[in-house]
Amino acid sequence: MQSARRLASTDLRIARTRTALHDAFLALLVETPFEQLTVKAVTARAKTGYATFFRHYHGLDQLLADVAAEEIDQLLAQTIPVFDTADSLRSCEALCDYVAGKHSLWRSLLTGGAWPRVREEFVAKAHDLVPAMERPESRIPPSLAVVFATSAVLDILAWWLRDASDRPPSEIAAYINTLAVSPVV
């Protein structure tokens, strides 16, 4: 009985520490390019010990992968309906509104040193959805459609956040719909 209680308190403590590290990392990522972040800065912001960080992660790349996976899951929740609806423009608008609502975070993820890792994670997660996207009438292999569409969506979002952030989400949604979604849906 005591070991179960101790395990539960340990799990809670682990969850709190990981949450603190994630939150600190996200806050710093908005302020600082990924390539300039340090474990020391993350642990100071999270109010955790330096050694504690390494009980959870091997390094900042692993923390980035963990954080990016969570953000990508949320972004995919907005993106996937694009492939299951006749109104793809509306789905693209929802996607762009989501990114606009987290502008600083997604700008950091898509335009800085984290970009290659985020893109790789996004495409990998999208590949998991290939079986759900099988369309017998399509001549395009679903795995190719996923790679093309997700890559194009990310490239357009990165362009927007880096070079054209004054453009409204609805305009970017129209670009995504025209260039990335309509050709494959």
N, C-alpha and C. Protein backbone atom coordinates (compact mmCIF):
# COMPACT_ATOMS: atom_id res chain seq x y z
N MET A 1 0.83 -1.20 0.00
CA MET A 1 0.00 0.00 0.00
C MET A 1 0.87 1.26 0.00
N GLN A 2 1.88 1.28 0.85
CA GLN A 2 2.74 2.45 0.91
C GLN A 2 3.47 2.67 -0.41
N SER A 3 3.93 1.59 -1.04
CA SER A 3 4.66 1.74 -2.29
C SER A 3 3.75 2.31 -3.38
N ALA A 4 2.48 1.94 -3.40
CA ALA A 4 1.54 2.49 -4.37
C ALA A 4 1.35 3.99 -4.14
N ARG A 5 1.26 4.39 -2.87
CA ARG A 5 1.09 5.81 -2.56
C ARG A 5 2.37 6.57 -2.95
N ARG A 6 3.51 5.99 -2.67
CA ARG A 6 4.78 6.64 -3.00
C ARG A 6 4.93 6.75 -4.52
N LEU A 7 4.53 5.72 -5.23
CA LEU A 7 4.60 5.75 -6.68
C LEU A 7 3.69 6.84 -7.24
N ALA A 8 2.49 6.96 -6.68
CA ALA A 8 1.55 7.99 -7.13
C ALA A 8 2.11 9.38 -6.86
N SER A 9 2.72 9.60 -5.68
CA SER A 9 3.28 10.91 -5.39
C SER A 9 4.49 11.18 -6.28
N THR A 10 5.26 10.13 -6.58
CA THR A 10 6.40 10.28 -7.48
C THR A 10 5.91 10.63 -8.88
N ASP A 11 4.87 9.94 -9.35
CA ASP A 11 4.31 10.23 -10.67
C ASP A 11 3.81 11.67 -10.74
N LEU A 12 3.15 12.14 -9.69
CA LEU A 12 2.65 13.50 -9.64
C LEU A 12 3.82 14.48 -9.67
N ARG A 13 4.85 14.17 -8.91
CA ARG A 13 6.03 15.04 -8.88
C ARG A 13 6.71 15.06 -10.26
N ILE A 14 6.80 13.90 -10.90
CA ILE A 14 7.38 13.83 -12.24
C ILE A 14 6.55 14.67 -13.21
N ALA A 15 5.25 14.54 -13.13
CA ALA A 15 4.36 15.30 -14.03
C ALA A 15 4.52 16.80 -13.80
N ARG A 16 4.59 17.21 -12.52
CA ARG A 16 4.76 18.64 -12.23
C ARG A 16 6.09 19.16 -12.77
N THR A 17 7.15 18.36 -12.59
CA THR A 17 8.47 18.78 -13.06
C THR A 17 8.48 18.89 -14.58
N ARG A 18 7.91 17.90 -15.25
CA ARG A 18 7.88 17.93 -16.72
C ARG A 18 7.05 19.12 -17.21
N THR A 19 5.95 19.39 -16.55
CA THR A 19 5.12 20.53 -16.92
C THR A 19 5.89 21.83 -16.73
N ALA A 20 6.60 21.95 -15.62
CA ALA A 20 7.40 23.15 -15.37
C ALA A 20 8.49 23.32 -16.42
N LEU A 21 9.13 22.23 -16.79
CA LEU A 21 10.18 22.29 -17.82
C LEU A 21 9.58 22.66 -19.18
N HIS A 22 8.43 22.08 -19.51
CA HIS A 22 7.76 22.40 -20.78
C HIS A 22 7.38 23.88 -20.82
N ASP A 23 6.74 24.34 -19.75
CA ASP A 23 6.29 25.73 -19.71
C ASP A 23 7.47 26.69 -19.80
N ALA A 24 8.54 26.38 -19.08
CA ALA A 24 9.73 27.23 -19.12
C ALA A 24 10.34 27.24 -20.51
N PHE A 25 10.43 26.07 -21.10
CA PHE A 25 11.00 25.95 -22.44
C PHE A 25 10.18 26.74 -23.45
N LEU A 26 8.85 26.60 -23.39
CA LEU A 26 7.99 27.33 -24.33
C LEU A 26 8.12 28.84 -24.14
N ALA A 27 8.16 29.28 -22.90
CA ALA A 27 8.30 30.72 -22.62
C ALA A 27 9.64 31.23 -23.16
N LEU A 28 10.70 30.49 -22.92
CA LEU A 28 12.01 30.90 -23.41
C LEU A 28 12.09 30.83 -24.92
N LEU A 29 11.44 29.87 -25.52
CA LEU A 29 11.49 29.71 -26.97
C LEU A 29 10.84 30.90 -27.67
N VAL A 30 9.88 31.51 -27.03
CA VAL A 30 9.24 32.70 -27.58
C VAL A 30 10.20 33.89 -27.52
N GLU A 31 11.04 33.92 -26.49
CA GLU A 31 11.96 35.04 -26.28
C GLU A 31 13.32 34.85 -26.93
N THR A 32 13.74 33.60 -27.12
CA THR A 32 15.11 33.29 -27.51
C THR A 32 15.11 32.23 -28.61
N PRO A 33 15.93 32.41 -29.64
CA PRO A 33 16.02 31.35 -30.66
C PRO A 33 16.49 30.03 -30.03
N PHE A 34 15.98 28.93 -30.57
CA PHE A 34 16.29 27.62 -30.01
C PHE A 34 17.79 27.40 -29.88
N GLU A 35 18.54 27.77 -30.90
CA GLU A 35 19.98 27.51 -30.88
C GLU A 35 20.72 28.29 -29.80
N GLN A 36 20.07 29.27 -29.18
CA GLN A 36 20.70 30.03 -28.10
C GLN A 36 20.22 29.59 -26.71
N LEU A 37 19.26 28.69 -26.66
CA LEU A 37 18.76 28.21 -25.37
C LEU A 37 19.77 27.30 -24.69
N THR A 38 19.73 27.31 -23.37
CA THR A 38 20.59 26.43 -22.58
C THR A 38 19.74 25.69 -21.55
N VAL A 39 20.24 24.55 -21.13
CA VAL A 39 19.56 23.80 -20.07
C VAL A 39 19.51 24.64 -18.81
N LYS A 40 20.57 25.36 -18.55
CA LYS A 40 20.62 26.21 -17.35
C LYS A 40 19.51 27.26 -17.35
N ALA A 41 19.27 27.87 -18.51
CA ALA A 41 18.20 28.87 -18.62
C ALA A 41 16.83 28.23 -18.40
N VAL A 42 16.63 27.04 -18.97
CA VAL A 42 15.34 26.35 -18.83
C VAL A 42 15.11 25.98 -17.36
N THR A 43 16.12 25.41 -16.73
CA THR A 43 15.93 24.98 -15.33
C THR A 43 15.76 26.18 -14.41
N ALA A 44 16.44 27.28 -14.70
CA ALA A 44 16.26 28.49 -13.88
C ALA A 44 14.83 29.00 -14.00
N ARG A 45 14.30 29.03 -15.23
CA ARG A 45 12.93 29.51 -15.45
C ARG A 45 11.93 28.55 -14.82
N ALA A 46 12.22 27.24 -14.89
CA ALA A 46 11.30 26.23 -14.35
C ALA A 46 11.42 26.09 -12.83
N LYS A 47 12.46 26.70 -12.28
CA LYS A 47 12.74 26.59 -10.83
C LYS A 47 12.95 25.12 -10.45
N THR A 48 13.74 24.44 -11.27
CA THR A 48 14.12 23.06 -10.99
C THR A 48 15.64 22.98 -10.99
N GLY A 49 16.15 21.91 -10.48
CA GLY A 49 17.59 21.72 -10.46
C GLY A 49 18.12 21.33 -11.83
N TYR A 50 19.36 21.70 -12.07
CA TYR A 50 20.02 21.37 -13.33
C TYR A 50 20.06 19.86 -13.53
N ALA A 51 20.44 19.12 -12.49
CA ALA A 51 20.50 17.66 -12.59
C ALA A 51 19.12 17.06 -12.79
N THR A 52 18.10 17.70 -12.25
CA THR A 52 16.72 17.22 -12.41
C THR A 52 16.34 17.18 -13.89
N PHE A 53 16.79 18.18 -14.63
CA PHE A 53 16.50 18.21 -16.07
C PHE A 53 16.93 16.91 -16.72
N PHE A 54 18.13 16.45 -16.38
CA PHE A 54 18.69 15.26 -17.03
C PHE A 54 18.09 13.96 -16.53
N ARG A 55 17.27 14.01 -15.51
CA ARG A 55 16.50 12.84 -15.10
C ARG A 55 15.29 12.65 -16.02
N HIS A 56 14.94 13.71 -16.71
CA HIS A 56 13.78 13.69 -17.59
C HIS A 56 14.14 13.69 -19.07
N TYR A 57 15.22 14.37 -19.42
CA TYR A 57 15.61 14.54 -20.82
C TYR A 57 17.12 14.39 -20.96
N HIS A 58 17.54 13.90 -22.13
CA HIS A 58 18.97 13.78 -22.41
C HIS A 58 19.56 15.13 -22.80
N GLY A 59 18.73 16.02 -23.29
CA GLY A 59 19.19 17.34 -23.71
C GLY A 59 18.03 18.16 -24.25
N LEU A 60 18.33 19.35 -24.71
CA LEU A 60 17.29 20.24 -25.21
C LEU A 60 16.59 19.70 -26.46
N ASP A 61 17.32 18.94 -27.28
CA ASP A 61 16.68 18.35 -28.46
C ASP A 61 15.54 17.42 -28.07
N GLN A 62 15.75 16.64 -27.03
CA GLN A 62 14.70 15.72 -26.59
C GLN A 62 13.52 16.49 -25.99
N LEU A 63 13.80 17.54 -25.23
CA LEU A 63 12.72 18.38 -24.69
C LEU A 63 11.97 19.03 -25.84
N LEU A 64 12.69 19.53 -26.84
CA LEU A 64 12.04 20.13 -28.00
C LEU A 64 11.13 19.12 -28.69
N ALA A 65 11.61 17.91 -28.87
CA ALA A 65 10.80 16.88 -29.53
C ALA A 65 9.53 16.61 -28.73
N ASP A 66 9.64 16.56 -27.42
CA ASP A 66 8.50 16.32 -26.55
C ASP A 66 7.48 17.46 -26.65
N VAL A 67 7.97 18.68 -26.55
CA VAL A 67 7.11 19.86 -26.62
C VAL A 67 6.50 19.99 -28.02
N ALA A 68 7.33 19.79 -29.04
CA ALA A 68 6.83 19.90 -30.41
C ALA A 68 5.75 18.87 -30.68
N ALA A 69 5.93 17.66 -30.16
CA ALA A 69 4.93 16.61 -30.35
C ALA A 69 3.57 17.05 -29.79
N GLU A 70 3.58 17.66 -28.62
CA GLU A 70 2.32 18.14 -28.02
C GLU A 70 1.68 19.23 -28.87
N GLU A 71 2.49 20.20 -29.30
CA GLU A 71 1.96 21.30 -30.11
C GLU A 71 1.47 20.79 -31.47
N ILE A 72 2.21 19.87 -32.03
CA ILE A 72 1.83 19.32 -33.33
C ILE A 72 0.54 18.53 -33.21
N ASP A 73 0.36 17.81 -32.11
CA ASP A 73 -0.91 17.11 -31.90
C ASP A 73 -2.08 18.09 -31.92
N GLN A 74 -1.89 19.23 -31.28
CA GLN A 74 -2.94 20.24 -31.26
C GLN A 74 -3.15 20.84 -32.65
N LEU A 75 -2.05 21.09 -33.36
CA LEU A 75 -2.16 21.64 -34.71
C LEU A 75 -2.81 20.64 -35.65
N LEU A 76 -2.43 19.37 -35.54
CA LEU A 76 -3.05 18.35 -36.39
C LEU A 76 -4.53 18.20 -36.11
N ALA A 77 -4.92 18.42 -34.87
CA ALA A 77 -6.35 18.36 -34.55
C ALA A 77 -7.11 19.41 -35.35
N GLN A 78 -6.42 20.52 -35.68
CA GLN A 78 -7.03 21.55 -36.52
C GLN A 78 -6.90 21.20 -38.01
N THR A 79 -5.81 20.53 -38.37
CA THR A 79 -5.50 20.27 -39.77
C THR A 79 -6.27 19.11 -40.36
N ILE A 80 -6.38 18.03 -39.63
CA ILE A 80 -6.97 16.80 -40.16
C ILE A 80 -8.40 16.98 -40.65
N PRO A 81 -9.22 17.79 -39.99
CA PRO A 81 -10.57 17.98 -40.56
C PRO A 81 -10.56 18.50 -41.99
N VAL A 82 -9.46 19.12 -42.42
CA VAL A 82 -9.35 19.60 -43.79
C VAL A 82 -9.58 18.45 -44.77
N PHE A 83 -9.09 17.29 -44.42
CA PHE A 83 -9.19 16.15 -45.32
C PHE A 83 -10.53 15.43 -45.24
N ASP A 84 -11.35 15.79 -44.29
CA ASP A 84 -12.62 15.10 -44.09
C ASP A 84 -13.82 16.00 -44.29
N THR A 85 -13.64 17.11 -44.95
CA THR A 85 -14.74 18.03 -45.10
C THR A 85 -14.80 18.59 -46.52
N ALA A 86 -15.97 18.94 -46.94
CA ALA A 86 -16.12 19.56 -48.25
C ALA A 86 -15.71 21.03 -48.18
N ASP A 87 -15.75 21.61 -47.00
CA ASP A 87 -15.40 23.02 -46.83
C ASP A 87 -13.97 23.15 -46.31
N SER A 88 -13.00 22.85 -47.17
CA SER A 88 -11.61 22.86 -46.74
C SER A 88 -11.13 24.27 -46.39
N LEU A 89 -11.67 25.30 -47.02
CA LEU A 89 -11.25 26.66 -46.70
C LEU A 89 -11.56 26.98 -45.24
N ARG A 90 -12.73 26.57 -44.79
CA ARG A 90 -13.10 26.84 -43.39
C ARG A 90 -12.15 26.12 -42.43
N SER A 91 -11.76 24.90 -42.76
CA SER A 91 -10.81 24.17 -41.94
C SER A 91 -9.45 24.85 -41.95
N CYS A 92 -9.04 25.35 -43.10
CA CYS A 92 -7.77 26.08 -43.19
C CYS A 92 -7.81 27.36 -42.36
N GLU A 93 -8.97 28.00 -42.35
CA GLU A 93 -9.12 29.20 -41.52
C GLU A 93 -9.00 28.86 -40.03
N ALA A 94 -9.57 27.74 -39.62
CA ALA A 94 -9.45 27.31 -38.22
C ALA A 94 -7.98 27.04 -37.88
N LEU A 95 -7.27 26.40 -38.78
CA LEU A 95 -5.86 26.14 -38.60
C LEU A 95 -5.07 27.44 -38.44
N CYS A 96 -5.30 28.39 -39.33
CA CYS A 96 -4.57 29.67 -39.27
C CYS A 96 -4.95 30.49 -38.05
N ASP A 97 -6.20 30.44 -37.65
CA ASP A 97 -6.61 31.13 -36.42
C ASP A 97 -5.90 30.54 -35.21
N TYR A 98 -5.75 29.20 -35.19
CA TYR A 98 -5.03 28.54 -34.10
C TYR A 98 -3.57 29.01 -34.05
N VAL A 99 -2.92 29.02 -35.20
CA VAL A 99 -1.51 29.45 -35.26
C VAL A 99 -1.40 30.93 -34.89
N ALA A 100 -2.31 31.75 -35.37
CA ALA A 100 -2.28 33.17 -35.04
C ALA A 100 -2.44 33.39 -33.54
N GLY A 101 -3.25 32.56 -32.90
CA GLY A 101 -3.45 32.67 -31.46
C GLY A 101 -2.21 32.33 -30.66
N LYS A 102 -1.30 31.59 -31.27
CA LYS A 102 -0.03 31.23 -30.63
C LYS A 102 1.12 31.69 -31.52
N HIS A 103 0.97 32.89 -32.05
CA HIS A 103 1.90 33.43 -33.04
C HIS A 103 3.36 33.33 -32.62
N SER A 104 3.69 33.81 -31.44
CA SER A 104 5.09 33.83 -31.01
C SER A 104 5.66 32.43 -30.90
N LEU A 105 4.87 31.52 -30.35
CA LEU A 105 5.35 30.15 -30.19
C LEU A 105 5.58 29.51 -31.55
N TRP A 106 4.59 29.59 -32.44
CA TRP A 106 4.74 28.94 -33.74
C TRP A 106 5.80 29.64 -34.60
N ARG A 107 5.97 30.93 -34.42
CA ARG A 107 7.06 31.63 -35.13
C ARG A 107 8.39 31.04 -34.68
N SER A 108 8.54 30.84 -33.40
CA SER A 108 9.78 30.24 -32.88
C SER A 108 9.97 28.82 -33.38
N LEU A 109 8.90 28.04 -33.38
CA LEU A 109 9.00 26.64 -33.81
C LEU A 109 9.29 26.50 -35.30
N LEU A 110 8.72 27.40 -36.12
CA LEU A 110 8.80 27.22 -37.57
C LEU A 110 9.84 28.08 -38.27
N THR A 111 10.44 29.04 -37.59
CA THR A 111 11.38 29.91 -38.30
C THR A 111 12.77 29.91 -37.68
N GLY A 112 12.98 29.22 -36.60
CA GLY A 112 14.29 29.21 -35.96
C GLY A 112 14.98 27.87 -36.10
N GLY A 113 15.92 27.63 -35.23
CA GLY A 113 16.71 26.41 -35.26
C GLY A 113 15.91 25.15 -35.00
N ALA A 114 14.71 25.29 -34.45
CA ALA A 114 13.86 24.13 -34.17
C ALA A 114 13.14 23.63 -35.42
N TRP A 115 13.13 24.43 -36.47
CA TRP A 115 12.36 24.15 -37.67
C TRP A 115 12.55 22.74 -38.23
N PRO A 116 13.76 22.25 -38.45
CA PRO A 116 13.89 20.90 -39.04
C PRO A 116 13.28 19.81 -38.16
N ARG A 117 13.43 19.93 -36.85
CA ARG A 117 12.90 18.92 -35.94
C ARG A 117 11.37 18.97 -35.91
N VAL A 118 10.82 20.18 -35.92
CA VAL A 118 9.37 20.34 -35.90
C VAL A 118 8.78 19.79 -37.19
N ARG A 119 9.40 20.09 -38.30
CA ARG A 119 8.91 19.60 -39.59
C ARG A 119 8.94 18.07 -39.63
N GLU A 120 10.04 17.50 -39.19
CA GLU A 120 10.17 16.04 -39.17
C GLU A 120 9.09 15.41 -38.29
N GLU A 121 8.87 15.98 -37.13
CA GLU A 121 7.84 15.46 -36.21
C GLU A 121 6.45 15.60 -36.81
N PHE A 122 6.18 16.74 -37.45
CA PHE A 122 4.87 16.99 -38.05
C PHE A 122 4.58 15.98 -39.15
N VAL A 123 5.54 15.77 -40.04
CA VAL A 123 5.35 14.83 -41.14
C VAL A 123 5.19 13.41 -40.60
N ALA A 124 6.00 13.05 -39.59
CA ALA A 124 5.90 11.71 -39.00
C ALA A 124 4.53 11.48 -38.39
N LYS A 125 4.03 12.46 -37.65
CA LYS A 125 2.71 12.32 -37.04
C LYS A 125 1.61 12.26 -38.11
N ALA A 126 1.78 13.04 -39.15
CA ALA A 126 0.79 13.03 -40.24
C ALA A 126 0.79 11.68 -40.94
N HIS A 127 1.95 11.05 -41.06
CA HIS A 127 2.02 9.72 -41.69
C HIS A 127 1.19 8.69 -40.93
N ASP A 128 1.07 8.86 -39.63
CA ASP A 128 0.25 7.94 -38.84
C ASP A 128 -1.20 7.99 -39.27
N LEU A 129 -1.58 9.07 -39.94
CA LEU A 129 -2.97 9.26 -40.35
C LEU A 129 -3.25 8.73 -41.75
N VAL A 130 -2.23 8.25 -42.45
CA VAL A 130 -2.40 7.80 -43.83
C VAL A 130 -3.52 6.78 -43.99
N PRO A 131 -3.61 5.73 -43.17
CA PRO A 131 -4.70 4.76 -43.39
C PRO A 131 -6.09 5.38 -43.35
N ALA A 132 -6.27 6.40 -42.54
CA ALA A 132 -7.58 7.06 -42.45
C ALA A 132 -7.87 7.90 -43.69
N MET A 133 -6.84 8.19 -44.47
CA MET A 133 -7.02 9.06 -45.63
C MET A 133 -7.14 8.29 -46.94
N GLU A 134 -7.16 6.98 -46.90
CA GLU A 134 -7.25 6.18 -48.12
C GLU A 134 -8.50 6.58 -48.90
N ARG A 135 -8.31 6.94 -50.15
CA ARG A 135 -9.40 7.29 -51.03
C ARG A 135 -9.24 6.48 -52.31
N PRO A 136 -10.13 5.51 -52.54
CA PRO A 136 -9.97 4.63 -53.71
C PRO A 136 -9.96 5.40 -55.04
N GLU A 137 -10.66 6.53 -55.09
CA GLU A 137 -10.75 7.26 -56.35
C GLU A 137 -9.52 8.11 -56.65
N SER A 138 -8.63 8.27 -55.69
CA SER A 138 -7.46 9.10 -55.87
C SER A 138 -6.34 8.33 -56.58
N ARG A 139 -5.67 9.02 -57.50
CA ARG A 139 -4.51 8.43 -58.17
C ARG A 139 -3.22 8.73 -57.40
N ILE A 140 -3.30 9.59 -56.41
CA ILE A 140 -2.12 9.98 -55.63
C ILE A 140 -2.03 9.06 -54.41
N PRO A 141 -0.87 8.41 -54.22
CA PRO A 141 -0.73 7.57 -53.02
C PRO A 141 -0.93 8.42 -51.76
N PRO A 142 -1.72 7.95 -50.81
CA PRO A 142 -1.99 8.74 -49.60
C PRO A 142 -0.73 9.18 -48.86
N SER A 143 0.29 8.33 -48.80
CA SER A 143 1.50 8.74 -48.08
C SER A 143 2.18 9.92 -48.77
N LEU A 144 2.14 9.99 -50.09
CA LEU A 144 2.68 11.13 -50.83
C LEU A 144 1.83 12.37 -50.59
N ALA A 145 0.53 12.20 -50.61
CA ALA A 145 -0.37 13.33 -50.37
C ALA A 145 -0.12 13.94 -49.00
N VAL A 146 0.09 13.08 -48.00
CA VAL A 146 0.34 13.57 -46.63
C VAL A 146 1.65 14.35 -46.59
N VAL A 147 2.70 13.79 -47.15
CA VAL A 147 4.00 14.49 -47.13
C VAL A 147 3.90 15.82 -47.86
N PHE A 148 3.28 15.81 -49.03
CA PHE A 148 3.16 17.04 -49.80
C PHE A 148 2.33 18.08 -49.05
N ALA A 149 1.15 17.69 -48.61
CA ALA A 149 0.25 18.65 -47.97
C ALA A 149 0.82 19.19 -46.66
N THR A 150 1.34 18.30 -45.81
CA THR A 150 1.87 18.79 -44.53
C THR A 150 3.09 19.66 -44.74
N SER A 151 3.95 19.28 -45.66
CA SER A 151 5.14 20.11 -45.93
C SER A 151 4.73 21.47 -46.48
N ALA A 152 3.79 21.47 -47.40
CA ALA A 152 3.33 22.74 -47.96
C ALA A 152 2.67 23.62 -46.91
N VAL A 153 1.84 23.02 -46.07
CA VAL A 153 1.19 23.79 -45.00
C VAL A 153 2.24 24.42 -44.10
N LEU A 154 3.22 23.63 -43.67
CA LEU A 154 4.27 24.17 -42.80
C LEU A 154 5.08 25.25 -43.49
N ASP A 155 5.41 25.05 -44.76
CA ASP A 155 6.18 26.07 -45.48
C ASP A 155 5.39 27.37 -45.60
N ILE A 156 4.12 27.28 -45.87
CA ILE A 156 3.30 28.49 -45.97
C ILE A 156 3.18 29.17 -44.62
N LEU A 157 2.96 28.39 -43.56
CA LEU A 157 2.90 28.97 -42.22
C LEU A 157 4.22 29.64 -41.85
N ALA A 158 5.34 28.98 -42.14
CA ALA A 158 6.65 29.55 -41.83
C ALA A 158 6.87 30.86 -42.59
N TRP A 159 6.50 30.86 -43.87
CA TRP A 159 6.62 32.09 -44.67
C TRP A 159 5.80 33.22 -44.05
N TRP A 160 4.57 32.88 -43.67
CA TRP A 160 3.68 33.87 -43.07
C TRP A 160 4.28 34.44 -41.79
N LEU A 161 4.71 33.57 -40.90
CA LEU A 161 5.20 34.00 -39.60
C LEU A 161 6.54 34.73 -39.70
N ARG A 162 7.33 34.39 -40.71
CA ARG A 162 8.65 35.00 -40.87
C ARG A 162 8.60 36.28 -41.70
N ASP A 163 7.88 36.24 -42.83
CA ASP A 163 7.97 37.32 -43.81
C ASP A 163 6.70 38.13 -44.03
N ALA A 164 5.58 37.63 -43.59
CA ALA A 164 4.32 38.28 -43.95
C ALA A 164 3.33 38.29 -42.79
N SER A 165 3.82 38.50 -41.58
CA SER A 165 2.95 38.38 -40.41
C SER A 165 1.88 39.46 -40.35
N ASP A 166 1.97 40.46 -41.22
CA ASP A 166 0.93 41.49 -41.25
C ASP A 166 -0.31 41.03 -42.02
N ARG A 167 -0.19 39.92 -42.73
CA ARG A 167 -1.33 39.40 -43.50
C ARG A 167 -2.29 38.67 -42.56
N PRO A 168 -3.58 38.81 -42.76
CA PRO A 168 -4.57 38.18 -41.86
C PRO A 168 -4.63 36.66 -42.04
N PRO A 169 -5.04 35.97 -40.99
CA PRO A 169 -5.16 34.51 -41.08
C PRO A 169 -6.03 34.04 -42.24
N SER A 170 -7.08 34.78 -42.55
CA SER A 170 -7.98 34.36 -43.63
C SER A 170 -7.26 34.34 -44.98
N GLU A 171 -6.36 35.28 -45.20
CA GLU A 171 -5.60 35.31 -46.45
C GLU A 171 -4.64 34.12 -46.54
N ILE A 172 -3.98 33.81 -45.43
CA ILE A 172 -3.05 32.67 -45.40
C ILE A 172 -3.83 31.37 -45.57
N ALA A 173 -5.00 31.31 -44.97
CA ALA A 173 -5.85 30.12 -45.11
C ALA A 173 -6.20 29.90 -46.58
N ALA A 174 -6.49 30.97 -47.30
CA ALA A 174 -6.80 30.85 -48.73
C ALA A 174 -5.59 30.32 -49.50
N TYR A 175 -4.38 30.79 -49.16
CA TYR A 175 -3.17 30.28 -49.81
C TYR A 175 -2.99 28.78 -49.52
N ILE A 176 -3.17 28.42 -48.26
CA ILE A 176 -3.01 27.01 -47.89
C ILE A 176 -4.04 26.15 -48.63
N ASN A 177 -5.26 26.61 -48.65
CA ASN A 177 -6.31 25.86 -49.33
C ASN A 177 -6.01 25.69 -50.82
N THR A 178 -5.58 26.77 -51.46
CA THR A 178 -5.33 26.74 -52.90
C THR A 178 -4.07 25.94 -53.25
N LEU A 179 -3.00 26.15 -52.49
CA LEU A 179 -1.71 25.55 -52.85
C LEU A 179 -1.47 24.17 -52.26
N ALA A 180 -2.00 23.90 -51.07
CA ALA A 180 -1.63 22.66 -50.36
C ALA A 180 -2.78 21.68 -50.22
N VAL A 181 -3.99 22.17 -50.02
CA VAL A 181 -5.09 21.27 -49.70
C VAL A 181 -5.88 20.86 -50.94
N SER A 182 -6.35 21.83 -51.70
CA SER A 182 -7.18 21.50 -52.86
C SER A 182 -6.51 20.53 -53.84
N PRO A 183 -5.21 20.66 -54.09
CA PRO A 183 -4.60 19.70 -55.04
C PRO A 183 -4.62 18.25 -54.58
N VAL A 184 -4.71 18.01 -53.27
CA VAL A 184 -4.65 16.62 -52.80
C VAL A 184 -5.96 16.10 -52.21
N VAL A 185 -6.90 16.96 -51.93
CA VAL A 185 -8.16 16.50 -51.33
C VAL A 185 -9.15 16.16 -52.43
